[in-house]
Protein backbone atom coordinates (compact mmCIF):
# COMPACT_ATOMS: atom_id res chain seq x y z
CA MET A 1 94.12 104.72 171.41
CA ASP A 2 96.06 107.89 171.67
CA LEU A 3 99.45 108.72 170.40
CA LEU A 4 101.20 107.74 173.41
CA ALA A 5 99.61 104.30 173.40
CA SER A 6 100.59 103.89 169.68
CA LYS A 7 104.15 104.62 170.49
CA LEU A 8 104.00 102.18 173.33
CA LEU A 9 102.77 99.43 171.02
CA LEU A 10 105.57 100.19 168.32
CA PHE A 11 107.98 99.82 171.28
CA LEU A 12 106.47 96.61 172.29
CA LEU A 13 106.84 95.29 168.76
CA PHE A 14 110.38 96.15 168.72
CA LEU A 15 110.97 94.41 172.11
CA ILE A 16 109.03 91.26 170.85
CA GLY A 17 110.97 91.23 167.63
CA SER A 18 109.60 91.53 164.10
CA HIS A 19 110.55 90.28 160.76
CA ALA A 20 109.27 90.83 157.22
CA GLU A 21 107.47 87.95 155.88
CA HIS A 22 105.71 87.14 152.60
CA GLY A 23 102.16 85.77 152.61
CA VAL A 24 100.56 88.81 154.34
CA LEU A 25 99.84 90.87 151.23
CA PRO A 26 99.12 90.09 147.65
CA GLU A 27 101.94 90.88 145.04
CA GLY A 28 102.13 94.77 144.42
CA PRO A 29 102.17 97.48 143.46
CA LEU A 30 98.69 98.95 143.53
CA SER A 31 97.61 101.72 141.22
CA ALA A 32 94.66 103.96 141.43
CA LEU A 33 93.48 107.21 140.06
CA VAL A 34 93.41 110.58 141.92
CA GLY A 35 89.91 110.81 143.53
CA ASN A 36 89.23 106.95 143.52
CA ASN A 37 89.49 104.60 146.28
CA VAL A 38 91.79 101.76 146.90
CA THR A 39 91.51 98.68 149.22
CA PHE A 40 94.74 97.01 150.46
CA LYS A 41 93.51 93.40 150.76
CA THR A 42 95.45 91.04 153.12
CA LEU A 43 95.84 87.39 152.92
CA LEU A 44 94.82 86.85 156.55
CA ASP A 45 92.01 84.66 157.51
CA ARG A 46 90.74 85.60 161.01
CA PRO A 47 94.21 85.64 162.51
CA ASN A 48 94.72 85.32 166.16
CA TYR A 49 96.49 88.56 166.77
CA VAL A 50 97.33 91.12 169.33
CA ALA A 51 97.46 94.15 166.96
CA ILE A 52 97.38 94.94 163.22
CA ILE A 53 99.37 98.04 162.38
CA TRP A 54 99.23 99.87 159.09
CA ASN A 55 101.93 102.55 158.32
CA TYR A 56 102.81 104.75 155.39
CA ASN A 57 106.28 105.79 154.27
CA ASN A 58 106.70 108.72 151.90
CA GLY A 59 110.38 108.11 151.52
CA ALA A 60 111.35 110.39 154.40
CA ASP A 61 109.17 109.61 157.35
CA GLN A 62 107.04 106.69 158.52
CA VAL A 63 103.59 107.60 159.65
CA ASN A 64 101.05 105.36 161.35
CA ILE A 65 97.63 105.12 159.62
CA ALA A 66 95.64 102.84 161.75
CA THR A 67 95.99 100.23 164.35
CA ALA A 68 93.47 97.46 165.22
CA SER A 69 93.29 95.31 168.39
CA SER A 70 90.78 92.69 169.27
CA ALA A 71 88.97 95.45 171.04
CA GLU A 72 89.03 98.50 168.91
CA VAL A 73 90.44 100.32 165.75
CA ASN A 74 92.23 103.51 165.98
CA VAL A 75 92.86 105.63 162.88
CA ALA A 76 95.45 108.47 162.91
CA GLU A 77 94.19 112.01 162.94
CA THR A 78 95.42 112.81 159.55
CA TYR A 79 93.55 109.90 158.00
CA LYS A 80 90.23 110.24 159.78
CA GLY A 81 87.36 110.24 157.32
CA ARG A 82 89.40 108.57 154.53
CA VAL A 83 90.56 105.19 156.07
CA THR A 84 88.72 102.19 157.24
CA LEU A 85 90.48 99.13 158.73
CA ASN A 86 88.81 95.81 158.87
CA LYS A 87 89.90 94.26 162.08
CA THR A 88 88.71 90.83 161.07
CA ASN A 89 91.26 90.37 158.19
CA GLY A 90 93.30 93.42 158.34
CA ASP A 91 92.00 94.99 154.98
CA LEU A 92 92.77 98.84 154.71
CA PHE A 93 90.43 100.98 152.82
CA LEU A 94 91.77 104.44 151.67
CA GLY A 95 90.03 107.17 149.71
CA PRO A 96 89.40 109.34 148.02
CA LEU A 97 93.03 109.38 146.89
CA LYS A 98 95.45 112.33 146.82
CA PRO A 99 98.58 112.48 144.69
CA SER A 100 100.48 112.67 148.02
CA ASP A 101 99.09 109.31 148.89
CA SER A 102 101.51 107.48 146.54
CA GLY A 103 104.25 105.70 148.47
CA ASP A 104 105.08 102.59 150.55
CA TYR A 105 102.57 101.01 152.74
CA SER A 106 103.35 98.30 155.32
CA ILE A 107 101.39 95.98 157.50
CA SER A 108 102.51 94.41 160.74
CA VAL A 109 100.65 91.67 162.45
CA VAL A 110 101.57 90.97 166.06
CA LEU A 111 100.43 87.33 166.57
CA LEU A 112 99.91 85.48 169.91
CA GLY A 113 102.70 83.01 170.57
CA ALA A 114 104.15 83.64 167.13
CA PRO A 115 106.61 86.06 165.42
CA THR A 116 105.27 89.19 164.02
CA LYS A 117 104.46 89.25 160.35
CA THR A 118 105.30 92.30 158.45
CA GLN A 119 105.06 93.04 154.69
CA GLU A 120 105.24 96.26 152.50
CA THR A 121 103.51 97.09 149.26
CA LYS A 122 103.58 100.22 146.96
CA LEU A 123 100.64 102.37 146.01
CA ARG A 124 100.90 104.57 143.00
CA VAL A 125 98.25 107.38 142.79
CA LEU A 126 98.02 108.27 139.15
CA GLU A 127 96.78 111.43 137.48
CA PRO A 128 94.27 110.80 134.67
CA VAL A 129 95.86 110.56 131.07
CA ALA A 130 94.76 113.60 129.09
CA ASP A 131 95.56 116.16 126.44
CA VAL A 132 97.71 113.80 124.33
CA ALA A 133 98.93 115.99 121.33
CA ILE A 134 101.66 115.87 118.55
CA LYS A 135 103.52 119.15 117.45
CA SER A 136 106.03 119.26 114.68
CA ASN A 137 109.12 121.51 114.46
CA MET A 138 108.07 122.39 110.88
CA ALA A 139 104.89 122.76 108.84
CA ASP A 140 106.32 120.83 105.96
CA ALA A 141 109.34 118.92 104.99
CA ILE A 142 111.76 118.24 101.92
CA GLU A 143 112.66 114.65 101.30
CA HIS A 144 116.22 113.83 102.10
CA ASN A 145 116.94 117.42 103.42
CA SER A 146 114.68 117.98 106.36
CA THR A 147 115.13 116.75 110.04
CA VAL A 148 111.62 116.50 111.52
CA VAL A 149 111.14 116.61 115.25
CA LEU A 150 107.77 115.41 116.53
CA THR A 151 107.03 116.02 120.19
CA CYS A 152 104.06 114.17 121.95
CA SER A 153 103.12 115.70 125.24
CA ALA A 154 100.39 114.43 127.70
CA LYS A 155 99.10 115.04 131.08
CA GLY A 156 99.06 112.27 133.64
CA SER A 157 101.53 110.25 135.73
CA PHE A 158 103.72 107.20 135.20
CA LEU A 159 103.21 107.61 131.36
CA LYS A 160 104.70 105.55 128.72
CA PHE A 161 104.55 106.67 125.10
CA THR A 162 104.27 104.80 121.81
CA TRP A 163 104.30 105.95 118.34
CA THR A 164 102.65 104.38 115.31
CA ASN A 165 102.49 105.22 111.35
CA GLY A 166 98.92 104.08 110.70
CA THR A 167 98.95 100.88 112.64
CA THR A 168 102.64 100.17 112.27
CA PRO A 169 104.81 100.75 115.30
CA ILE A 170 107.55 103.30 114.83
CA MET A 171 110.81 101.97 116.28
CA ALA A 172 113.87 103.86 116.81
CA ASP A 173 116.93 102.54 114.72
CA GLY A 174 119.56 104.66 116.34
CA LYS A 175 120.45 106.27 112.92
CA ARG A 176 117.61 108.11 111.20
CA LEU A 177 114.87 107.54 113.86
CA THR A 178 115.55 108.30 117.43
CA LEU A 179 113.26 108.50 120.53
CA LYS A 180 113.70 110.43 123.71
CA GLU A 181 111.27 109.69 126.65
CA GLU A 182 110.62 112.09 129.37
CA ASP A 183 107.94 112.05 132.23
CA LEU A 184 105.22 113.88 130.27
CA SER A 185 106.53 113.83 126.71
CA SER A 186 108.30 111.79 124.02
CA THR A 187 110.22 113.17 121.16
CA LEU A 188 110.62 111.32 117.81
CA THR A 189 113.38 112.70 115.57
CA ILE A 190 113.64 111.70 111.84
CA THR A 191 116.79 112.77 110.08
CA ASP A 192 116.87 113.06 106.20
CA VAL A 193 113.15 112.48 106.31
CA LEU A 194 111.57 110.26 103.61
CA ARG A 195 108.08 110.49 101.95
CA SER A 196 107.26 107.12 103.44
CA ASP A 197 108.22 108.09 106.97
CA LEU A 198 105.14 110.25 107.49
CA VAL A 199 102.50 108.93 105.05
CA GLY A 200 100.53 108.41 108.18
CA PRO A 201 98.40 109.37 109.74
CA ILE A 202 100.88 109.41 112.66
CA TYR A 203 99.55 108.67 116.18
CA CYS A 204 101.12 109.07 119.68
CA THR A 205 99.73 106.91 122.46
CA ALA A 206 100.18 107.83 126.27
CA ALA A 207 99.45 105.21 128.69
CA ASN A 208 99.89 104.19 132.39
CA ASP A 209 98.70 101.03 134.26
CA LEU A 210 95.03 102.25 134.23
CA GLU A 211 94.53 104.35 131.20
CA THR A 212 95.35 104.89 127.54
CA GLU A 213 94.78 107.94 125.37
CA LYS A 214 95.63 108.32 121.72
CA SER A 215 96.42 111.68 120.08
CA ALA A 216 94.51 112.93 117.12
CA PRO A 217 95.88 111.81 113.74
CA PHE A 218 98.83 113.92 112.61
CA ASN A 219 100.00 114.43 108.96
CA LEU A 220 103.00 116.17 107.66
CA THR A 221 103.49 116.74 104.04
CA VAL A 222 106.91 115.76 102.86
CA TYR A 223 107.67 117.29 99.63
CA TYR A 224 109.71 115.25 97.01
CA GLY A 225 110.84 115.10 93.49
CA PRO A 226 110.72 115.69 90.66
CA GLU A 227 112.01 112.33 89.76
CA GLU A 228 111.47 109.73 86.99
CA VAL A 229 111.06 112.45 84.46
CA THR A 230 109.92 110.86 81.19
CA ILE A 231 108.86 111.91 77.76
CA THR A 232 106.03 109.89 75.99
CA PRO A 233 106.54 108.38 73.46
CA LEU A 234 110.01 107.38 74.56
CA ASN A 235 110.95 106.13 71.13
CA PRO A 236 109.01 108.10 68.46
CA PRO A 237 109.27 107.13 64.83
CA GLN A 238 112.17 108.85 62.86
CA PHE A 239 109.69 110.81 60.80
CA VAL A 240 106.29 112.22 61.96
CA SER A 241 103.58 113.39 59.70
CA SER A 242 103.37 117.12 59.92
CA SER A 243 99.42 117.04 59.58
CA SER A 244 98.89 114.37 62.32
CA ASN A 245 97.99 115.07 65.96
CA PHE A 246 101.28 113.71 67.31
CA ASN A 247 102.68 115.38 70.51
CA LEU A 248 105.07 114.90 73.38
CA SER A 249 104.07 114.55 76.89
CA CYS A 250 106.19 114.94 79.80
CA SER A 251 105.52 113.46 83.28
CA ALA A 252 107.32 113.31 86.70
CA GLN A 253 106.82 111.87 90.21
CA SER A 254 106.66 114.88 92.26
CA ASP A 255 104.80 116.65 95.25
CA PRO A 256 103.78 119.34 94.74
CA PRO A 257 103.20 118.53 91.03
CA ALA A 258 106.15 119.62 88.89
CA THR A 259 106.09 122.43 86.15
CA PHE A 260 107.58 121.64 82.71
CA ILE A 261 109.74 123.65 80.40
CA TRP A 262 110.70 122.38 76.84
CA TYR A 263 114.07 122.39 75.13
CA HIS A 264 115.28 121.86 71.68
CA ASN A 265 118.86 120.92 71.30
CA GLN A 266 119.35 122.15 74.95
CA GLN A 267 117.93 125.56 73.96
CA MET A 268 114.96 126.65 75.95
CA MET A 269 111.70 126.87 73.91
CA GLU A 270 108.88 129.42 74.54
CA ALA A 271 106.78 126.42 75.55
CA GLY A 272 105.62 125.33 78.99
CA GLY A 273 103.25 122.56 80.34
CA PRO A 274 103.25 118.88 80.05
CA VAL A 275 102.44 118.59 76.38
CA LEU A 276 104.49 119.80 73.37
CA THR A 277 102.33 119.90 70.14
CA LEU A 278 103.37 119.87 66.46
CA ASP A 279 101.81 123.27 66.21
CA VAL A 280 104.26 124.68 68.72
CA ILE A 281 107.12 122.91 67.12
CA LYS A 282 106.20 124.24 63.52
CA ALA A 283 105.63 127.80 65.04
CA HIS A 284 109.22 127.72 66.28
CA GLY A 285 110.27 126.77 62.65
CA LEU A 286 111.47 123.38 63.89
CA GLY A 287 111.11 119.85 62.65
CA LYS A 288 112.73 120.07 59.26
CA THR A 289 115.55 117.85 60.40
CA ALA A 290 115.79 115.17 63.19
CA GLU A 291 116.85 117.01 66.35
CA GLU A 292 116.61 116.41 70.09
CA TYR A 293 113.79 117.48 72.23
CA THR A 294 113.75 117.25 76.19
CA CYS A 295 111.72 118.67 79.05
CA ARG A 296 112.76 119.84 82.40
CA ALA A 297 110.75 119.45 85.51
CA THR A 298 110.95 121.85 88.41
CA ASN A 299 109.40 121.52 92.05
CA ALA A 300 108.68 124.72 93.49
CA LYS A 301 109.20 123.41 97.07
CA THR A 302 112.24 121.21 96.64
CA LYS A 303 113.74 123.67 94.19
CA ARG A 304 114.97 120.70 92.24
CA VAL A 305 115.24 120.79 88.40
CA VAL A 306 115.53 117.47 86.66
CA PRO A 307 115.76 116.97 82.79
CA SER A 308 114.24 114.16 80.95
CA ALA A 309 116.06 111.83 78.44
CA GLY A 310 115.97 113.29 74.83
CA VAL A 311 113.92 112.16 72.08
CA SER A 312 114.41 112.79 68.27
CA PHE A 313 112.33 113.00 65.13
CA ALA A 314 111.88 115.02 62.16
CA LEU A 315 108.52 116.31 60.54
CA MET A 316 107.57 115.24 57.05
CA GLU A 317 104.65 116.41 54.82
CA PRO A 318 102.45 113.55 53.94
CA ILE A 319 101.72 112.67 50.28
CA SER A 320 98.41 113.76 48.95
CA GLY A 321 96.60 114.39 45.65
CA VAL A 322 98.21 111.59 43.60
CA LYS A 323 97.50 111.87 39.86
CA ILE A 324 98.20 109.29 37.09
CA SER A 325 97.95 110.21 33.46
CA GLY A 326 98.26 108.16 30.19
CA PRO A 327 97.61 108.16 26.53
CA THR A 328 94.37 109.73 25.35
CA ASP A 329 94.70 108.55 21.84
CA VAL A 330 93.36 105.21 20.46
CA LEU A 331 95.90 102.72 20.98
CA ILE A 332 96.52 99.81 18.47
CA ALA A 333 98.67 96.81 19.28
CA GLY A 334 101.72 96.63 16.94
CA ASN A 335 101.75 100.26 16.25
CA SER A 336 101.25 102.57 19.30
CA THR A 337 103.51 103.45 22.20
CA ALA A 338 102.15 104.53 25.63
CA ASN A 339 103.72 106.86 28.27
CA ILE A 340 102.12 106.87 31.80
CA SER A 341 103.23 109.35 34.46
CA CYS A 342 102.42 109.78 38.24
CA GLN A 343 102.76 112.79 40.55
CA ALA A 344 101.59 114.11 44.04
CA THR A 345 100.04 117.41 44.49
CA SER A 346 101.93 117.85 47.70
CA GLY A 347 104.26 115.79 50.11
CA SER A 348 107.74 114.32 49.95
CA VAL A 349 107.89 111.35 47.70
CA LYS A 350 110.56 108.89 48.63
CA SER A 351 109.78 106.01 46.63
CA THR A 352 107.48 104.96 43.68
CA THR A 353 106.31 101.52 42.57
CA TRP A 354 104.39 100.39 39.59
CA HIS A 355 101.85 97.60 39.26
CA LYS A 356 99.71 96.13 36.45
CA ASP A 357 96.55 94.26 37.58
CA GLY A 358 97.90 94.04 40.99
CA LYS A 359 101.38 92.50 40.07
CA PRO A 360 104.62 94.54 40.32
CA LEU A 361 106.14 95.73 37.05
CA SER A 362 109.96 95.67 36.17
CA ALA A 363 111.74 96.99 33.15
CA ASN A 364 112.07 94.81 30.05
CA SER A 365 112.88 95.12 26.34
CA ARG A 366 109.56 97.03 25.92
CA LEU A 367 109.20 98.78 29.34
CA SER A 368 111.32 101.27 30.77
CA PHE A 369 110.99 103.69 33.73
CA ALA A 370 112.22 107.36 34.22
CA SER A 371 115.21 107.61 36.67
CA ASP A 372 112.89 108.97 39.50
CA MET A 373 110.20 106.30 38.65
CA SER A 374 107.74 108.98 38.12
CA SER A 375 106.81 107.61 34.54
CA MET A 376 107.07 104.50 32.51
CA MET A 377 107.21 103.99 28.64
CA ILE A 378 105.82 100.96 26.71
CA THR A 379 107.08 100.82 23.18
CA VAL A 380 105.31 98.84 20.41
CA LEU A 381 102.09 97.88 22.53
CA GLN A 382 100.90 94.43 22.51
CA LYS A 383 97.51 93.11 23.44
CA GLU A 384 98.94 91.78 26.76
CA ASP A 385 99.49 95.33 27.74
CA ASN A 386 95.63 95.90 28.32
CA GLY A 387 94.91 96.37 32.07
CA GLU A 388 94.92 98.61 35.13
CA TYR A 389 98.09 100.35 35.89
CA THR A 390 98.77 101.61 39.40
CA CYS A 391 101.37 103.84 40.75
CA GLN A 392 101.99 103.93 44.56
CA LEU A 393 103.95 106.91 46.12
CA SER A 394 105.26 106.64 49.59
CA ASN A 395 107.41 108.25 52.29
CA PRO A 396 107.94 107.18 55.85
CA VAL A 397 104.85 108.83 57.09
CA ASN A 398 102.16 107.54 54.48
CA LYS A 399 101.53 106.19 51.04
CA GLU A 400 99.03 106.96 48.44
CA GLN A 401 98.15 105.54 44.97
CA ALA A 402 96.33 106.19 41.75
CA SER A 403 95.25 103.92 38.88
CA TYR A 404 94.82 104.12 35.08
CA LYS A 405 93.20 101.67 32.86
CA MET A 406 94.78 101.37 29.43
CA VAL A 407 92.83 99.91 26.55
CA VAL A 408 95.06 98.49 23.65
CA ASN A 409 92.93 97.57 20.52
CA TYR A 410 93.90 94.55 18.63
CA GLY A 411 92.72 91.68 16.38
CA PRO A 412 90.44 90.17 15.65
CA GLU A 413 92.76 87.12 15.99
CA SER A 414 91.97 84.06 13.75
CA PRO A 415 88.51 82.74 14.82
CA THR A 416 87.49 79.21 15.63
CA VAL A 417 84.12 77.60 14.87
CA THR A 418 82.95 74.77 17.16
CA GLY A 419 79.87 72.64 16.42
CA GLU A 420 78.44 69.58 14.58
CA LYS A 421 80.13 68.39 11.25
CA GLU A 422 77.51 65.79 10.52
CA VAL A 423 73.85 65.57 11.76
CA GLU A 424 70.82 63.61 10.61
CA MET A 425 67.65 65.18 9.50
CA ASN A 426 65.67 67.04 12.09
CA ASP A 427 68.67 67.15 14.46
CA PRO A 428 69.43 70.60 16.00
CA VAL A 429 72.61 72.45 14.89
CA LYS A 430 74.61 74.96 16.94
CA LEU A 431 77.81 76.53 15.62
CA THR A 432 79.74 78.92 17.86
CA CYS A 433 82.32 81.35 16.63
CA VAL A 434 85.08 82.23 19.06
CA VAL A 435 87.43 85.25 18.23
CA ASP A 436 89.72 87.31 20.40
CA SER A 437 89.39 91.07 19.80
CA VAL A 438 89.36 94.50 21.37
CA PRO A 439 87.04 96.00 20.91
CA PRO A 440 84.80 92.91 20.32
CA ALA A 441 84.62 91.99 16.69
CA ASN A 442 81.40 92.43 14.55
CA ILE A 443 80.42 88.89 13.45
CA THR A 444 79.01 87.94 10.02
CA TRP A 445 77.90 84.51 9.04
CA LYS A 446 78.11 83.35 5.41
CA PHE A 447 76.45 80.14 4.10
CA ASN A 448 78.08 78.73 0.95
CA GLY A 449 79.76 82.31 0.43
CA THR A 450 76.44 84.12 0.74
CA VAL A 451 75.98 86.51 3.65
CA THR A 452 73.29 85.64 6.10
CA ASN A 453 71.37 87.82 8.62
CA VAL A 454 73.03 86.18 11.58
CA LYS A 455 75.27 88.65 13.33
CA THR A 456 75.93 86.94 16.69
CA THR A 457 78.54 84.57 17.71
CA THR A 458 76.14 81.48 17.56
CA TYR A 459 74.58 80.25 14.39
CA SER A 460 71.62 77.94 15.24
CA ILE A 461 69.46 75.61 13.25
CA GLU A 462 66.31 74.22 14.98
CA LYS A 463 66.01 71.23 12.71
CA ALA A 464 68.44 70.33 10.12
CA ALA A 465 67.41 69.70 6.51
CA PHE A 466 69.31 68.60 3.48
CA LYS A 467 69.40 72.11 2.27
CA ASN A 468 71.52 73.02 5.30
CA THR A 469 74.40 70.90 4.01
CA GLY A 470 77.31 73.36 3.03
CA THR A 471 80.03 75.64 4.35
CA TYR A 472 79.46 78.11 7.15
CA THR A 473 81.87 80.98 7.38
CA CYS A 474 82.34 83.09 10.44
CA GLU A 475 83.75 86.44 9.40
CA ALA A 476 85.11 88.78 12.22
CA HIS A 477 85.85 92.53 11.76
CA ASN A 478 87.46 94.99 14.11
CA SER A 479 86.27 98.51 13.37
CA VAL A 480 89.05 100.25 15.18
CA THR A 481 91.97 98.07 13.72
CA GLY A 482 90.18 97.60 10.41
CA LYS A 483 91.24 94.09 10.31
CA THR A 484 88.97 91.11 9.20
CA THR A 485 89.51 87.33 9.75
CA SER A 486 87.42 84.35 9.07
CA PHE A 487 86.96 80.59 9.62
CA THR A 488 85.05 78.25 7.47
CA HIS A 489 83.15 75.21 8.89
CA SER A 490 81.48 72.44 6.91
CA LEU A 491 78.20 70.62 7.81
CA SER A 492 76.71 67.60 6.34
CA VAL A 493 72.94 66.71 6.96
CA LYS A 494 72.20 62.91 6.36
CA GLU A 495 69.07 60.76 6.36
CA GLU A 496 67.69 59.67 9.72
CA GLY A 497 69.49 56.58 10.93
CA ALA A 498 72.32 57.12 8.64
CA LEU A 499 74.75 57.74 11.35
CA ASP A 500 73.63 54.81 13.43
CA GLU A 501 76.46 52.52 12.44
CA GLY A 502 75.92 49.70 14.92
CA LEU A 503 78.40 48.95 17.82
CA SER A 504 81.75 50.69 17.76
CA ASP A 505 84.96 48.77 17.52
CA GLY A 506 85.54 49.63 21.28
CA ALA A 507 82.11 48.19 22.25
CA ILE A 508 82.81 44.83 20.37
CA ALA A 509 86.04 44.49 21.86
CA GLY A 510 84.52 44.94 25.32
CA ILE A 511 81.91 42.32 24.58
CA VAL A 512 84.49 39.79 23.45
CA ILE A 513 86.69 40.25 26.50
CA GLY A 514 83.54 39.82 28.84
CA VAL A 515 82.77 36.59 27.05
CA LEU A 516 86.12 35.23 27.51
CA LEU A 517 86.39 36.15 31.10
CA ALA A 518 83.03 34.47 31.81
CA LEU A 519 84.09 31.29 29.84
CA GLY A 520 87.30 31.15 31.92
CA ALA A 521 85.54 31.39 35.23
CA ALA A 522 83.12 28.63 34.09
CA ILE A 523 86.09 26.27 33.34
CA GLY A 524 87.66 26.98 36.58
CA LEU A 525 84.62 26.17 38.44
CA ILE A 526 84.14 22.74 36.76
CA ILE A 527 87.70 21.79 37.55
CA TYR A 528 87.17 22.96 41.29
CA CYS A 529 84.09 20.79 41.56
CA ARG A 530 85.75 17.69 40.09
CA GLN A 531 88.51 17.99 42.71
CA LYS A 532 85.96 18.01 45.44
CA VAL A 533 83.70 15.00 44.46
CA PRO A 534 85.43 11.65 45.30
CA VAL A 535 85.69 9.04 42.69
CA GLU A 536 85.08 5.30 43.45
CA SER A 537 87.77 2.88 42.54
CA PRO A 538 86.49 0.28 40.09
CA TYR A 539 88.44 -2.22 41.89
C-alpha cells in the first residue's frame, strides 16, 4: 500500500468514525533499553477486521508505522527493517531501538460492522544506567562547622536516586539534611555535619525501570573533639608516696587524636603527652604541697583546646629505716628503769603508736611517753614488764615498725612442791618444785637439811623405803638477782597395807542409801501385787 492509499484509509476511518477504547492493549507504559527490541502485544484474538493501523506520535507529529489488511502488511519506509506487524493479532515488533523511538504509540482496529477500536500506549527507550559516582565538595569536614555537599551523578535515562548510610536509607529532614534531584544527578547537603552522618560507607544508587547501579563506597572523615577530657585517677589520694610509680593520665575523645599539655595551678608545665610522671613533677620542684594539676587537649584539625577538670595531691616521702633501742644493762625488777626510743632513718612521721606483745600501750603511773611519742619510760621495772615492745611509725602513704625484746630479771618467787605426803613401802615417789624466776632459778634439793645431788625441778624415788621418811627442801637461787628462796615438803613412808583403811565414809554412805532404795522398791512391789490379786469373801 503506497502513501496515497494510507491517506485514503485514514480518511476512511474518519468517515466511519472511531473512538478510543480500552481492551486493545495491555496496561502501559512499556520500557526497553536502547539497542534492544520491544513487542507491543495486543489483547486481540483473531479479530474480523478491515485494517489494523499502528501510528507513532513524538509529541509534535503523528507518523504511520505500519498498516495491515486481510491481504497484506505495509510498513512505512522509515521503519522498514525494524518493524514487523503480525496481521493475525496485531502485535507490533520494533527494534533495535533508538532513543528517538520514545513516545506514544497507538493502534486502530477497523472492524466489520462494529465501531473502530483505538488505544494508545507509551514507550520509554532507556539509556543504560552507568558511571554512578559520588563527589564531595570537601576532602574532610569539621563536626558542627562544615556543610558537606555530596553529588551523585550517573548516565542513563528516567533515573531515580537513593542514598544509604551503610544499609540505612538517608532521608531528607528539611533542616540539616536536604536532597535535590535532577535528571542525571542527586545532591545531598548536610549542614553542621555530625560524625555519625558519614560513618558510612555512603552509597548512591541510580535506577530506572530496568536497571539499578550502585556507586562505589564513599567515606568522608569528619574530624571532631576533643571532648570528655579526663584525668585518671580522677580522685587521687591526698598524699602520694614520692617513691611510688604513681602518675596522671589524660585522655580525650578526638579525631585526629588529641595532643596534651599539662598545667600546674593554671601555669603551663614543660610537660607534654598523655602521661605526667612523678619524676617530671619533682623535676619541676613541685609536690611539696597539695596543688592543682590539669591537662589541656588540642585537636590540630578542629583547632579546639579543651581543659580537663583539676586534681590535687601532695607528695610525701615514705618512712623507712625504723630503729628501736632500749636498755643494754641488766635489768632487775624493783630496781631498774627502762627507756625505749624509736626513730626513722627517713620519711615524714605523722604518728607513733606503741605495743607490748601485740597489745596497745597507754600511759600509767609507771609508764610515760615523750610528747612526740618517740620514746617511752618505765620506772621501777616489774616482772610484768618482760616482753616484746613494738613501735609503729606511720604517715598517709605508708607505715613501718620495729621491735625490741626487753628482759627484766626477777625472783625467784616462793617455790611450791607438789607430790605425795604419805606412801607405802616400795611405792614410787615424785616431788616437783615449781618456781617463777628470770633467768630460771638454779635448783638444789635437801633431805632432812642435807644437800643432795639432785639439781633438777623433779626429785624422784623409784621405790620408797622407811629411810626416805623426812623433809625435802627445794631451794631456788637466781644468779642475777642474787635471791634464794625455798620450800619444805614432808614425806612419810609406811608399811605395805598401812594406808588401806577400808571403805571411806562416802562409800559406806552410798551403800546404805542403795540398800534403803532397794528395800523401798521391794515394799512397793508387794503392795502393788496385793492390790491386783482378788481376795475371796469368807461368806
